[in-house]
Amino acid sequence: ALPGLASEQACVSQDHLVCFLPGTLALGAHHGLPADHMELAQSLMDTCYQMNRQMETGLSPEIVHFSMHPQKGGKDVQVKPGDRHNLLRPETVESLFYLYRCTGDPKYRDWGWEILRSFNAHTRVPSGGFSSISNVQDPRNPQPRDKMESFFLGETLKYLYLLFSDDTDLLSLDTYVFNTEAHPLPIWTPG
């Protein structure tokens, strides 16, 4: 239980935006930080993946609340009605890209493929493009919002493309760094 709260009131939540952190930790380990950074990155990545996996659409809500004592066969995460939307954010697939590049573990590609399939199934619109949705828990009616944020094209799809590319020298993590908007910048070394 959290300090000052009764155990039945204890609640731990996580925003989807936090899912950038596994990639940052993996990149740090790739560039020489201690190995426990990679272990933490992999554990956090599992959590971010489950934020998608445990939703009926396969897409993460904006915020999840972790069940401290899930019922047998129940979900580990709960979603409040005001948090069940998905804005097509890039953070999870960004971290999948970094973890795949740093570890070579194909499960990160598999997870990215699942997320891409979910985007196609639940956010793609017939006229072209994709739409944010209001309810990741209702695959029959995810309630499209008729809005696609520019970061979906500029970041989410870019990281998915890089995740699925077989050319690991394409924007190599040893020669490029990505800013917070997924723009690759060359790493300059003092000459």
N, C-alpha and C. Protein backbone atom coordinates (compact mmCIF):
# COMPACT_ATOMS: atom_id res chain seq x y z
N ALA A 1 0.84 -1.19 0.00
CA ALA A 1 0.00 0.00 0.00
C ALA A 1 0.88 1.24 0.00
N LEU A 2 0.35 2.30 -0.59
CA LEU A 2 1.08 3.56 -0.60
C LEU A 2 0.96 4.22 0.76
N PRO A 3 2.01 4.93 1.19
CA PRO A 3 1.96 5.58 2.49
C PRO A 3 0.75 6.49 2.61
N GLY A 4 0.06 6.40 3.76
CA GLY A 4 -1.06 7.27 4.03
C GLY A 4 -2.37 6.85 3.39
N LEU A 5 -2.41 5.75 2.67
CA LEU A 5 -3.64 5.29 2.05
C LEU A 5 -3.98 3.90 2.57
N ALA A 6 -5.25 3.67 2.76
CA ALA A 6 -5.68 2.32 3.11
C ALA A 6 -5.42 1.42 1.92
N SER A 7 -5.15 0.16 2.17
CA SER A 7 -4.77 -0.74 1.07
C SER A 7 -5.84 -0.82 0.00
N GLU A 8 -7.14 -0.73 0.36
CA GLU A 8 -8.17 -0.81 -0.67
C GLU A 8 -8.25 0.46 -1.50
N GLN A 9 -7.64 1.54 -1.02
CA GLN A 9 -7.64 2.79 -1.77
C GLN A 9 -6.35 2.99 -2.56
N ALA A 10 -5.35 2.17 -2.30
CA ALA A 10 -4.06 2.35 -2.95
C ALA A 10 -4.22 2.19 -4.46
N CYS A 11 -3.65 3.12 -5.19
CA CYS A 11 -3.78 3.10 -6.64
C CYS A 11 -2.49 3.60 -7.25
N VAL A 12 -2.01 2.85 -8.21
CA VAL A 12 -0.84 3.27 -8.96
C VAL A 12 -1.28 3.37 -10.42
N SER A 13 -0.97 4.49 -11.03
CA SER A 13 -1.38 4.68 -12.42
C SER A 13 -0.17 5.01 -13.27
N GLN A 14 -0.37 4.90 -14.58
CA GLN A 14 0.68 5.24 -15.53
C GLN A 14 0.05 5.82 -16.78
N ASP A 15 0.55 6.97 -17.21
CA ASP A 15 0.13 7.57 -18.47
C ASP A 15 0.86 6.88 -19.62
N HIS A 16 0.22 6.84 -20.77
CA HIS A 16 0.88 6.29 -21.96
C HIS A 16 2.14 7.07 -22.29
N LEU A 17 2.16 8.34 -22.00
CA LEU A 17 3.33 9.17 -22.30
C LEU A 17 4.60 8.65 -21.62
N VAL A 18 4.47 7.95 -20.51
CA VAL A 18 5.63 7.41 -19.79
C VAL A 18 6.31 6.30 -20.60
N CYS A 19 5.64 5.78 -21.59
CA CYS A 19 6.20 4.65 -22.35
C CYS A 19 7.37 5.04 -23.25
N PHE A 20 7.81 6.30 -23.22
CA PHE A 20 9.06 6.67 -23.88
C PHE A 20 10.25 6.15 -23.07
N LEU A 21 10.06 5.98 -21.77
CA LEU A 21 11.17 5.69 -20.86
C LEU A 21 11.91 4.38 -21.14
N PRO A 22 11.23 3.28 -21.49
CA PRO A 22 11.99 2.07 -21.80
C PRO A 22 13.02 2.30 -22.92
N GLY A 23 12.65 3.06 -23.93
CA GLY A 23 13.57 3.35 -25.03
C GLY A 23 14.74 4.20 -24.58
N THR A 24 14.47 5.17 -23.74
CA THR A 24 15.54 6.03 -23.22
C THR A 24 16.53 5.23 -22.39
N LEU A 25 16.01 4.35 -21.54
CA LEU A 25 16.89 3.50 -20.72
C LEU A 25 17.71 2.54 -21.58
N ALA A 26 17.07 1.96 -22.59
CA ALA A 26 17.78 1.04 -23.49
C ALA A 26 18.87 1.77 -24.24
N LEU A 27 18.57 2.97 -24.71
CA LEU A 27 19.58 3.76 -25.43
C LEU A 27 20.74 4.10 -24.51
N GLY A 28 20.44 4.44 -23.27
CA GLY A 28 21.51 4.71 -22.31
C GLY A 28 22.39 3.50 -22.10
N ALA A 29 21.78 2.33 -21.94
CA ALA A 29 22.57 1.10 -21.77
C ALA A 29 23.39 0.81 -23.02
N HIS A 30 22.82 1.08 -24.18
CA HIS A 30 23.53 0.89 -25.46
C HIS A 30 24.79 1.75 -25.52
N HIS A 31 24.71 2.92 -24.91
CA HIS A 31 25.84 3.84 -24.93
C HIS A 31 26.67 3.81 -23.65
N GLY A 32 26.58 2.72 -22.88
CA GLY A 32 27.52 2.52 -21.80
C GLY A 32 27.02 2.63 -20.38
N LEU A 33 25.76 2.94 -20.17
CA LEU A 33 25.26 2.96 -18.80
C LEU A 33 25.14 1.52 -18.28
N PRO A 34 25.06 1.34 -16.99
CA PRO A 34 25.05 -0.02 -16.42
C PRO A 34 23.93 -0.90 -16.98
N ALA A 35 24.18 -2.20 -16.96
CA ALA A 35 23.26 -3.19 -17.53
C ALA A 35 21.89 -3.18 -16.85
N ASP A 36 21.84 -2.75 -15.60
CA ASP A 36 20.54 -2.75 -14.93
C ASP A 36 19.58 -1.74 -15.56
N HIS A 37 20.11 -0.77 -16.31
CA HIS A 37 19.24 0.13 -17.07
C HIS A 37 18.47 -0.65 -18.14
N MET A 38 19.14 -1.60 -18.76
CA MET A 38 18.48 -2.41 -19.79
C MET A 38 17.45 -3.34 -19.15
N GLU A 39 17.77 -3.88 -18.00
CA GLU A 39 16.81 -4.75 -17.31
C GLU A 39 15.54 -3.97 -16.97
N LEU A 40 15.71 -2.76 -16.46
CA LEU A 40 14.56 -1.92 -16.15
C LEU A 40 13.81 -1.55 -17.42
N ALA A 41 14.53 -1.24 -18.49
CA ALA A 41 13.89 -0.92 -19.77
C ALA A 41 13.00 -2.07 -20.23
N GLN A 42 13.49 -3.29 -20.14
CA GLN A 42 12.72 -4.44 -20.59
C GLN A 42 11.49 -4.67 -19.73
N SER A 43 11.62 -4.47 -18.42
CA SER A 43 10.47 -4.63 -17.52
C SER A 43 9.41 -3.56 -17.80
N LEU A 44 9.85 -2.33 -17.96
CA LEU A 44 8.90 -1.25 -18.26
C LEU A 44 8.25 -1.45 -19.63
N MET A 45 9.02 -1.98 -20.58
CA MET A 45 8.46 -2.23 -21.91
C MET A 45 7.35 -3.27 -21.81
N ASP A 46 7.55 -4.29 -20.99
CA ASP A 46 6.50 -5.29 -20.78
C ASP A 46 5.23 -4.62 -20.27
N THR A 47 5.39 -3.69 -19.33
CA THR A 47 4.23 -2.98 -18.78
C THR A 47 3.54 -2.16 -19.87
N CYS A 48 4.30 -1.44 -20.67
CA CYS A 48 3.71 -0.63 -21.74
C CYS A 48 3.00 -1.52 -22.76
N TYR A 49 3.58 -2.66 -23.07
CA TYR A 49 2.94 -3.59 -23.99
C TYR A 49 1.60 -4.08 -23.40
N GLN A 50 1.60 -4.39 -22.12
CA GLN A 50 0.36 -4.87 -21.48
C GLN A 50 -0.72 -3.79 -21.46
N MET A 51 -0.30 -2.52 -21.44
CA MET A 51 -1.29 -1.44 -21.52
C MET A 51 -2.08 -1.53 -22.82
N ASN A 52 -1.45 -2.04 -23.86
CA ASN A 52 -2.13 -2.26 -25.14
C ASN A 52 -2.84 -3.61 -25.14
N ARG A 53 -2.11 -4.63 -24.78
CA ARG A 53 -2.57 -6.02 -24.88
C ARG A 53 -3.85 -6.30 -24.09
N GLN A 54 -3.97 -5.66 -22.94
CA GLN A 54 -5.12 -5.95 -22.08
C GLN A 54 -6.38 -5.16 -22.45
N MET A 55 -6.29 -4.34 -23.48
CA MET A 55 -7.47 -3.62 -23.95
C MET A 55 -8.12 -4.39 -25.10
N GLU A 56 -9.41 -4.32 -25.18
CA GLU A 56 -10.16 -5.08 -26.18
C GLU A 56 -9.77 -4.72 -27.61
N THR A 57 -9.35 -3.49 -27.86
CA THR A 57 -8.93 -3.09 -29.20
C THR A 57 -7.45 -3.35 -29.45
N GLY A 58 -6.69 -3.69 -28.40
CA GLY A 58 -5.24 -3.86 -28.53
C GLY A 58 -4.50 -2.54 -28.54
N LEU A 59 -5.19 -1.45 -28.17
CA LEU A 59 -4.57 -0.13 -28.15
C LEU A 59 -4.64 0.44 -26.74
N SER A 60 -3.56 1.08 -26.35
CA SER A 60 -3.45 1.62 -25.00
C SER A 60 -4.38 2.80 -24.77
N PRO A 61 -4.97 2.85 -23.57
CA PRO A 61 -5.68 4.07 -23.19
C PRO A 61 -4.66 5.14 -22.79
N GLU A 62 -5.13 6.32 -22.56
CA GLU A 62 -4.24 7.41 -22.15
C GLU A 62 -3.63 7.14 -20.78
N ILE A 63 -4.42 6.59 -19.86
CA ILE A 63 -3.96 6.30 -18.50
C ILE A 63 -4.54 4.96 -18.06
N VAL A 64 -3.71 4.16 -17.40
CA VAL A 64 -4.19 2.93 -16.77
C VAL A 64 -3.93 3.02 -15.27
N HIS A 65 -4.73 2.29 -14.54
CA HIS A 65 -4.58 2.16 -13.10
C HIS A 65 -4.31 0.69 -12.82
N PHE A 66 -3.23 0.41 -12.13
CA PHE A 66 -2.84 -0.97 -11.89
C PHE A 66 -3.63 -1.55 -10.73
N SER A 67 -4.16 -2.75 -10.93
CA SER A 67 -4.87 -3.45 -9.87
C SER A 67 -3.82 -4.04 -8.93
N MET A 68 -3.84 -3.58 -7.71
CA MET A 68 -2.86 -4.07 -6.73
C MET A 68 -3.18 -5.50 -6.31
N HIS A 69 -4.46 -5.87 -6.40
CA HIS A 69 -4.89 -7.22 -6.03
C HIS A 69 -5.92 -7.69 -7.06
N PRO A 70 -5.47 -8.03 -8.28
CA PRO A 70 -6.44 -8.43 -9.31
C PRO A 70 -7.15 -9.72 -8.92
N GLN A 71 -8.41 -9.82 -9.33
CA GLN A 71 -9.18 -11.03 -9.10
C GLN A 71 -8.61 -12.14 -9.97
N LYS A 72 -8.79 -13.38 -9.56
CA LYS A 72 -8.30 -14.50 -10.35
C LYS A 72 -8.88 -14.43 -11.76
N GLY A 73 -8.01 -14.44 -12.74
CA GLY A 73 -8.43 -14.34 -14.13
C GLY A 73 -8.74 -12.92 -14.56
N GLY A 74 -8.62 -11.96 -13.65
CA GLY A 74 -8.92 -10.57 -13.97
C GLY A 74 -7.73 -9.87 -14.61
N LYS A 75 -7.97 -8.66 -15.05
CA LYS A 75 -6.93 -7.86 -15.68
C LYS A 75 -6.06 -7.19 -14.62
N ASP A 76 -4.82 -6.93 -15.01
CA ASP A 76 -3.89 -6.22 -14.13
C ASP A 76 -4.12 -4.72 -14.17
N VAL A 77 -4.79 -4.25 -15.20
CA VAL A 77 -4.99 -2.80 -15.36
C VAL A 77 -6.48 -2.49 -15.45
N GLN A 78 -6.83 -1.34 -14.93
CA GLN A 78 -8.20 -0.83 -14.99
C GLN A 78 -8.14 0.54 -15.67
N VAL A 79 -9.23 0.93 -16.32
CA VAL A 79 -9.27 2.20 -17.03
C VAL A 79 -10.53 2.95 -16.61
N LYS A 80 -10.34 4.20 -16.24
CA LYS A 80 -11.48 5.06 -15.92
C LYS A 80 -12.10 5.57 -17.22
N PRO A 81 -13.40 5.82 -17.25
CA PRO A 81 -14.05 6.26 -18.49
C PRO A 81 -13.39 7.47 -19.15
N GLY A 82 -12.91 8.42 -18.38
CA GLY A 82 -12.28 9.61 -18.96
C GLY A 82 -10.89 9.39 -19.51
N ASP A 83 -10.33 8.18 -19.28
CA ASP A 83 -8.96 7.87 -19.71
C ASP A 83 -8.89 6.83 -20.82
N ARG A 84 -10.03 6.39 -21.32
CA ARG A 84 -10.01 5.25 -22.24
C ARG A 84 -9.81 5.61 -23.71
N HIS A 85 -9.41 6.83 -23.99
CA HIS A 85 -9.16 7.25 -25.36
C HIS A 85 -7.73 6.93 -25.80
N ASN A 86 -7.54 6.87 -27.11
CA ASN A 86 -6.21 6.66 -27.69
C ASN A 86 -6.00 7.73 -28.75
N LEU A 87 -4.91 8.47 -28.60
CA LEU A 87 -4.61 9.59 -29.50
C LEU A 87 -3.59 9.24 -30.58
N LEU A 88 -3.31 7.94 -30.77
CA LEU A 88 -2.34 7.47 -31.78
C LEU A 88 -0.91 7.86 -31.39
N ARG A 89 -0.63 7.89 -30.12
CA ARG A 89 0.66 8.35 -29.61
C ARG A 89 1.82 7.42 -30.01
N PRO A 90 3.04 7.98 -30.10
CA PRO A 90 4.21 7.20 -30.54
C PRO A 90 5.02 6.54 -29.44
N GLU A 91 4.82 6.87 -28.19
CA GLU A 91 5.78 6.49 -27.14
C GLU A 91 6.05 5.00 -27.04
N THR A 92 5.02 4.17 -27.11
CA THR A 92 5.25 2.73 -27.00
C THR A 92 6.04 2.20 -28.19
N VAL A 93 5.66 2.58 -29.40
CA VAL A 93 6.37 2.06 -30.57
C VAL A 93 7.78 2.65 -30.66
N GLU A 94 7.99 3.85 -30.14
CA GLU A 94 9.33 4.41 -30.05
C GLU A 94 10.22 3.51 -29.21
N SER A 95 9.72 3.12 -28.06
CA SER A 95 10.50 2.24 -27.18
C SER A 95 10.69 0.85 -27.78
N LEU A 96 9.67 0.35 -28.48
CA LEU A 96 9.83 -0.94 -29.15
C LEU A 96 10.98 -0.87 -30.16
N PHE A 97 11.05 0.23 -30.91
CA PHE A 97 12.13 0.42 -31.88
C PHE A 97 13.49 0.38 -31.17
N TYR A 98 13.66 1.15 -30.11
CA TYR A 98 14.95 1.18 -29.40
C TYR A 98 15.29 -0.18 -28.82
N LEU A 99 14.33 -0.84 -28.20
CA LEU A 99 14.62 -2.14 -27.60
C LEU A 99 14.96 -3.18 -28.65
N TYR A 100 14.27 -3.15 -29.78
CA TYR A 100 14.62 -4.09 -30.84
C TYR A 100 16.02 -3.82 -31.35
N ARG A 101 16.34 -2.57 -31.62
CA ARG A 101 17.67 -2.23 -32.12
C ARG A 101 18.76 -2.58 -31.12
N CYS A 102 18.50 -2.41 -29.83
CA CYS A 102 19.53 -2.65 -28.82
C CYS A 102 19.67 -4.12 -28.44
N THR A 103 18.59 -4.89 -28.55
CA THR A 103 18.65 -6.29 -28.10
C THR A 103 18.58 -7.29 -29.25
N GLY A 104 17.96 -6.90 -30.36
CA GLY A 104 17.74 -7.84 -31.46
C GLY A 104 16.64 -8.85 -31.17
N ASP A 105 15.93 -8.71 -30.05
CA ASP A 105 14.88 -9.66 -29.68
C ASP A 105 13.66 -9.44 -30.58
N PRO A 106 13.27 -10.45 -31.37
CA PRO A 106 12.15 -10.28 -32.31
C PRO A 106 10.80 -10.05 -31.65
N LYS A 107 10.68 -10.31 -30.35
CA LYS A 107 9.37 -10.09 -29.71
C LYS A 107 8.97 -8.62 -29.79
N TYR A 108 9.95 -7.71 -29.82
CA TYR A 108 9.61 -6.29 -29.90
C TYR A 108 9.01 -5.94 -31.26
N ARG A 109 9.48 -6.60 -32.30
CA ARG A 109 8.86 -6.44 -33.62
C ARG A 109 7.46 -7.03 -33.62
N ASP A 110 7.32 -8.21 -33.01
CA ASP A 110 6.01 -8.85 -32.93
C ASP A 110 5.00 -7.96 -32.21
N TRP A 111 5.43 -7.36 -31.12
CA TRP A 111 4.54 -6.47 -30.37
C TRP A 111 4.17 -5.25 -31.21
N GLY A 112 5.14 -4.71 -31.92
CA GLY A 112 4.87 -3.58 -32.81
C GLY A 112 3.88 -3.96 -33.91
N TRP A 113 4.02 -5.18 -34.43
CA TRP A 113 3.10 -5.65 -35.47
C TRP A 113 1.68 -5.75 -34.92
N GLU A 114 1.55 -6.24 -33.68
CA GLU A 114 0.22 -6.32 -33.05
C GLU A 114 -0.40 -4.93 -32.94
N ILE A 115 0.39 -3.96 -32.51
CA ILE A 115 -0.11 -2.60 -32.35
C ILE A 115 -0.49 -2.01 -33.70
N LEU A 116 0.33 -2.22 -34.72
CA LEU A 116 0.01 -1.72 -36.06
C LEU A 116 -1.29 -2.34 -36.56
N ARG A 117 -1.46 -3.63 -36.35
CA ARG A 117 -2.71 -4.30 -36.77
C ARG A 117 -3.91 -3.71 -36.03
N SER A 118 -3.72 -3.37 -34.76
CA SER A 118 -4.81 -2.75 -33.99
C SER A 118 -5.12 -1.35 -34.50
N PHE A 119 -4.09 -0.58 -34.84
CA PHE A 119 -4.33 0.73 -35.45
C PHE A 119 -5.14 0.56 -36.73
N ASN A 120 -4.75 -0.40 -37.57
CA ASN A 120 -5.46 -0.62 -38.82
C ASN A 120 -6.91 -1.06 -38.59
N ALA A 121 -7.11 -1.90 -37.60
CA ALA A 121 -8.45 -2.43 -37.35
C ALA A 121 -9.39 -1.42 -36.70
N HIS A 122 -8.87 -0.55 -35.85
CA HIS A 122 -9.76 0.26 -35.02
C HIS A 122 -9.64 1.77 -35.20
N THR A 123 -8.61 2.23 -35.93
CA THR A 123 -8.46 3.68 -36.07
C THR A 123 -8.41 4.14 -37.53
N ARG A 124 -8.26 3.22 -38.45
CA ARG A 124 -8.20 3.59 -39.87
C ARG A 124 -9.59 3.99 -40.35
N VAL A 125 -9.64 5.05 -41.13
CA VAL A 125 -10.93 5.52 -41.65
C VAL A 125 -11.04 5.17 -43.14
N PRO A 126 -12.26 4.89 -43.62
CA PRO A 126 -12.44 4.44 -45.02
C PRO A 126 -11.91 5.43 -46.06
N SER A 127 -11.96 6.71 -45.78
CA SER A 127 -11.53 7.70 -46.77
C SER A 127 -10.01 7.89 -46.79
N GLY A 128 -9.30 7.22 -45.90
CA GLY A 128 -7.85 7.36 -45.80
C GLY A 128 -7.47 8.02 -44.51
N GLY A 129 -6.33 7.68 -44.00
CA GLY A 129 -5.88 8.24 -42.73
C GLY A 129 -6.37 7.44 -41.55
N PHE A 130 -6.13 7.99 -40.39
CA PHE A 130 -6.45 7.34 -39.12
C PHE A 130 -7.09 8.36 -38.20
N SER A 131 -7.83 7.89 -37.23
CA SER A 131 -8.50 8.78 -36.29
C SER A 131 -8.22 8.35 -34.86
N SER A 132 -8.01 9.32 -33.99
CA SER A 132 -8.01 9.02 -32.56
C SER A 132 -9.35 8.39 -32.23
N ILE A 133 -9.37 7.59 -31.16
CA ILE A 133 -10.63 6.96 -30.75
C ILE A 133 -10.91 7.29 -29.29
N SER A 134 -12.17 7.24 -28.93
CA SER A 134 -12.58 7.58 -27.56
C SER A 134 -12.69 6.39 -26.63
N ASN A 135 -12.73 5.16 -27.18
CA ASN A 135 -12.94 4.01 -26.29
C ASN A 135 -12.15 2.79 -26.75
N VAL A 136 -10.99 2.56 -26.12
CA VAL A 136 -10.15 1.41 -26.46
C VAL A 136 -10.73 0.10 -25.94
N GLN A 137 -11.80 0.19 -25.15
CA GLN A 137 -12.41 -1.01 -24.58
C GLN A 137 -13.59 -1.53 -25.38
N ASP A 138 -13.92 -0.87 -26.48
CA ASP A 138 -15.06 -1.29 -27.29
C ASP A 138 -14.64 -1.48 -28.74
N PRO A 139 -14.25 -2.69 -29.12
CA PRO A 139 -13.78 -2.92 -30.50
C PRO A 139 -14.89 -2.77 -31.53
N ARG A 140 -16.16 -2.92 -31.14
CA ARG A 140 -17.25 -2.77 -32.09
C ARG A 140 -17.55 -1.31 -32.38
N ASN A 141 -17.34 -0.46 -31.37
CA ASN A 141 -17.59 0.97 -31.55
C ASN A 141 -16.54 1.76 -30.76
N PRO A 142 -15.32 1.87 -31.30
CA PRO A 142 -14.27 2.60 -30.58
C PRO A 142 -14.47 4.12 -30.57
N GLN A 143 -15.51 4.59 -31.21
CA GLN A 143 -15.89 6.00 -31.23
C GLN A 143 -14.80 6.89 -31.83
N PRO A 144 -14.61 6.80 -33.15
CA PRO A 144 -13.62 7.67 -33.81
C PRO A 144 -13.88 9.14 -33.52
N ARG A 145 -12.82 9.90 -33.38
CA ARG A 145 -12.92 11.32 -33.03
C ARG A 145 -12.76 12.26 -34.23
N ASP A 146 -12.54 11.70 -35.41
CA ASP A 146 -12.35 12.52 -36.61
C ASP A 146 -11.18 13.49 -36.45
N LYS A 147 -10.11 12.99 -35.82
CA LYS A 147 -8.91 13.83 -35.64
C LYS A 147 -7.68 12.92 -35.63
N MET A 148 -6.72 13.29 -36.46
CA MET A 148 -5.44 12.58 -36.48
C MET A 148 -4.35 13.59 -36.16
N GLU A 149 -3.72 13.43 -35.02
CA GLU A 149 -2.63 14.33 -34.63
C GLU A 149 -1.45 14.15 -35.59
N SER A 150 -0.71 15.21 -35.83
CA SER A 150 0.42 15.14 -36.76
C SER A 150 1.51 14.20 -36.26
N PHE A 151 1.59 13.99 -34.95
CA PHE A 151 2.64 13.08 -34.44
C PHE A 151 2.41 11.64 -34.88
N PHE A 152 1.18 11.30 -35.29
CA PHE A 152 0.97 9.93 -35.77
C PHE A 152 1.79 9.68 -37.03
N LEU A 153 1.77 10.62 -37.96
CA LEU A 153 2.57 10.48 -39.18
C LEU A 153 4.05 10.74 -38.91
N GLY A 154 4.35 11.79 -38.16
CA GLY A 154 5.73 12.22 -37.96
C GLY A 154 6.53 11.37 -36.98
N GLU A 155 5.84 10.66 -36.09
CA GLU A 155 6.55 9.88 -35.08
C GLU A 155 6.10 8.41 -35.06
N THR A 156 4.82 8.17 -34.80
CA THR A 156 4.34 6.80 -34.63
C THR A 156 4.66 5.95 -35.85
N LEU A 157 4.27 6.41 -37.03
CA LEU A 157 4.53 5.60 -38.23
C LEU A 157 6.02 5.55 -38.57
N LYS A 158 6.76 6.61 -38.27
CA LYS A 158 8.21 6.61 -38.52
C LYS A 158 8.89 5.53 -37.68
N TYR A 159 8.55 5.47 -36.39
CA TYR A 159 9.16 4.46 -35.53
C TYR A 159 8.73 3.05 -35.93
N LEU A 160 7.49 2.88 -36.37
CA LEU A 160 7.08 1.57 -36.85
C LEU A 160 7.86 1.17 -38.11
N TYR A 161 8.05 2.12 -39.02
CA TYR A 161 8.84 1.85 -40.22
C TYR A 161 10.26 1.42 -39.84
N LEU A 162 10.87 2.15 -38.94
CA LEU A 162 12.24 1.81 -38.52
C LEU A 162 12.28 0.48 -37.77
N LEU A 163 11.25 0.20 -36.98
CA LEU A 163 11.18 -1.07 -36.25
C LEU A 163 11.16 -2.25 -37.22
N PHE A 164 10.42 -2.10 -38.31
CA PHE A 164 10.27 -3.21 -39.26
C PHE A 164 11.35 -3.25 -40.33
N SER A 165 12.20 -2.24 -40.40
CA SER A 165 13.27 -2.22 -41.40
C SER A 165 14.33 -3.26 -41.06
N ASP A 166 14.76 -4.00 -42.06
CA ASP A 166 15.84 -4.97 -41.86
C ASP A 166 17.22 -4.32 -41.91
N ASP A 167 17.27 -3.06 -42.31
CA ASP A 167 18.53 -2.32 -42.41
C ASP A 167 18.81 -1.62 -41.08
N THR A 168 19.59 -2.28 -40.22
CA THR A 168 19.89 -1.69 -38.91
C THR A 168 20.85 -0.52 -39.00
N ASP A 169 21.44 -0.30 -40.17
CA ASP A 169 22.27 0.89 -40.37
C ASP A 169 21.43 2.09 -40.78
N LEU A 170 20.16 1.86 -41.10
CA LEU A 170 19.27 2.96 -41.42
C LEU A 170 19.03 3.75 -40.14
N LEU A 171 19.59 4.96 -40.08
CA LEU A 171 19.53 5.79 -38.89
C LEU A 171 20.06 5.03 -37.66
N SER A 172 21.29 4.56 -37.79
CA SER A 172 21.95 3.79 -36.73
C SER A 172 21.98 4.56 -35.42
N LEU A 173 21.75 3.86 -34.33
CA LEU A 173 21.79 4.49 -33.00
C LEU A 173 23.21 4.88 -32.60
N ASP A 174 24.19 4.46 -33.36
CA ASP A 174 25.57 4.85 -33.09
C ASP A 174 25.95 6.15 -33.80
N THR A 175 25.15 6.54 -34.79
CA THR A 175 25.49 7.76 -35.53
C THR A 175 24.39 8.82 -35.51
N TYR A 176 23.19 8.46 -35.04
CA TYR A 176 22.07 9.41 -34.97
C TYR A 176 21.42 9.36 -33.60
N VAL A 177 20.86 10.49 -33.23
CA VAL A 177 20.01 10.59 -32.04
C VAL A 177 18.70 11.23 -32.50
N PHE A 178 17.60 10.80 -31.90
CA PHE A 178 16.29 11.35 -32.25
C PHE A 178 15.88 12.36 -31.19
N ASN A 179 15.38 13.52 -31.65
CA ASN A 179 14.86 14.47 -30.68
C ASN A 179 13.46 14.02 -30.25
N THR A 180 12.81 14.81 -29.41
CA THR A 180 11.51 14.40 -28.88
C THR A 180 10.41 14.36 -29.93
N GLU A 181 10.66 14.89 -31.10
CA GLU A 181 9.69 14.85 -32.19
C GLU A 181 10.09 13.84 -33.27
N ALA A 182 11.00 12.93 -32.93
CA ALA A 182 11.46 11.85 -33.82
C ALA A 182 12.25 12.34 -35.03
N HIS A 183 12.85 13.52 -34.92
CA HIS A 183 13.73 13.98 -35.99
C HIS A 183 15.13 13.45 -35.73
N PRO A 184 15.72 12.72 -36.69
CA PRO A 184 17.07 12.21 -36.50
C PRO A 184 18.11 13.33 -36.67
N LEU A 185 19.01 13.39 -35.73
CA LEU A 185 20.10 14.36 -35.79
C LEU A 185 21.42 13.60 -35.71
N PRO A 186 22.40 13.95 -36.54
CA PRO A 186 23.68 13.24 -36.47
C PRO A 186 24.39 13.50 -35.13
N ILE A 187 25.02 12.46 -34.62
CA ILE A 187 25.82 12.62 -33.41
C ILE A 187 27.17 13.18 -33.84
N TRP A 188 27.49 14.34 -33.34
CA TRP A 188 28.77 14.96 -33.69
C TRP A 188 29.78 14.62 -32.62
N THR A 189 30.92 14.19 -33.07
CA THR A 189 32.01 13.90 -32.14
C THR A 189 33.07 14.98 -32.32
N PRO A 190 33.69 15.40 -31.23
CA PRO A 190 34.74 16.42 -31.35
C PRO A 190 35.86 15.93 -32.27
N GLY A 191 36.24 16.75 -33.20
CA GLY A 191 37.23 16.34 -34.18
C GLY A 191 38.52 16.96 -33.92
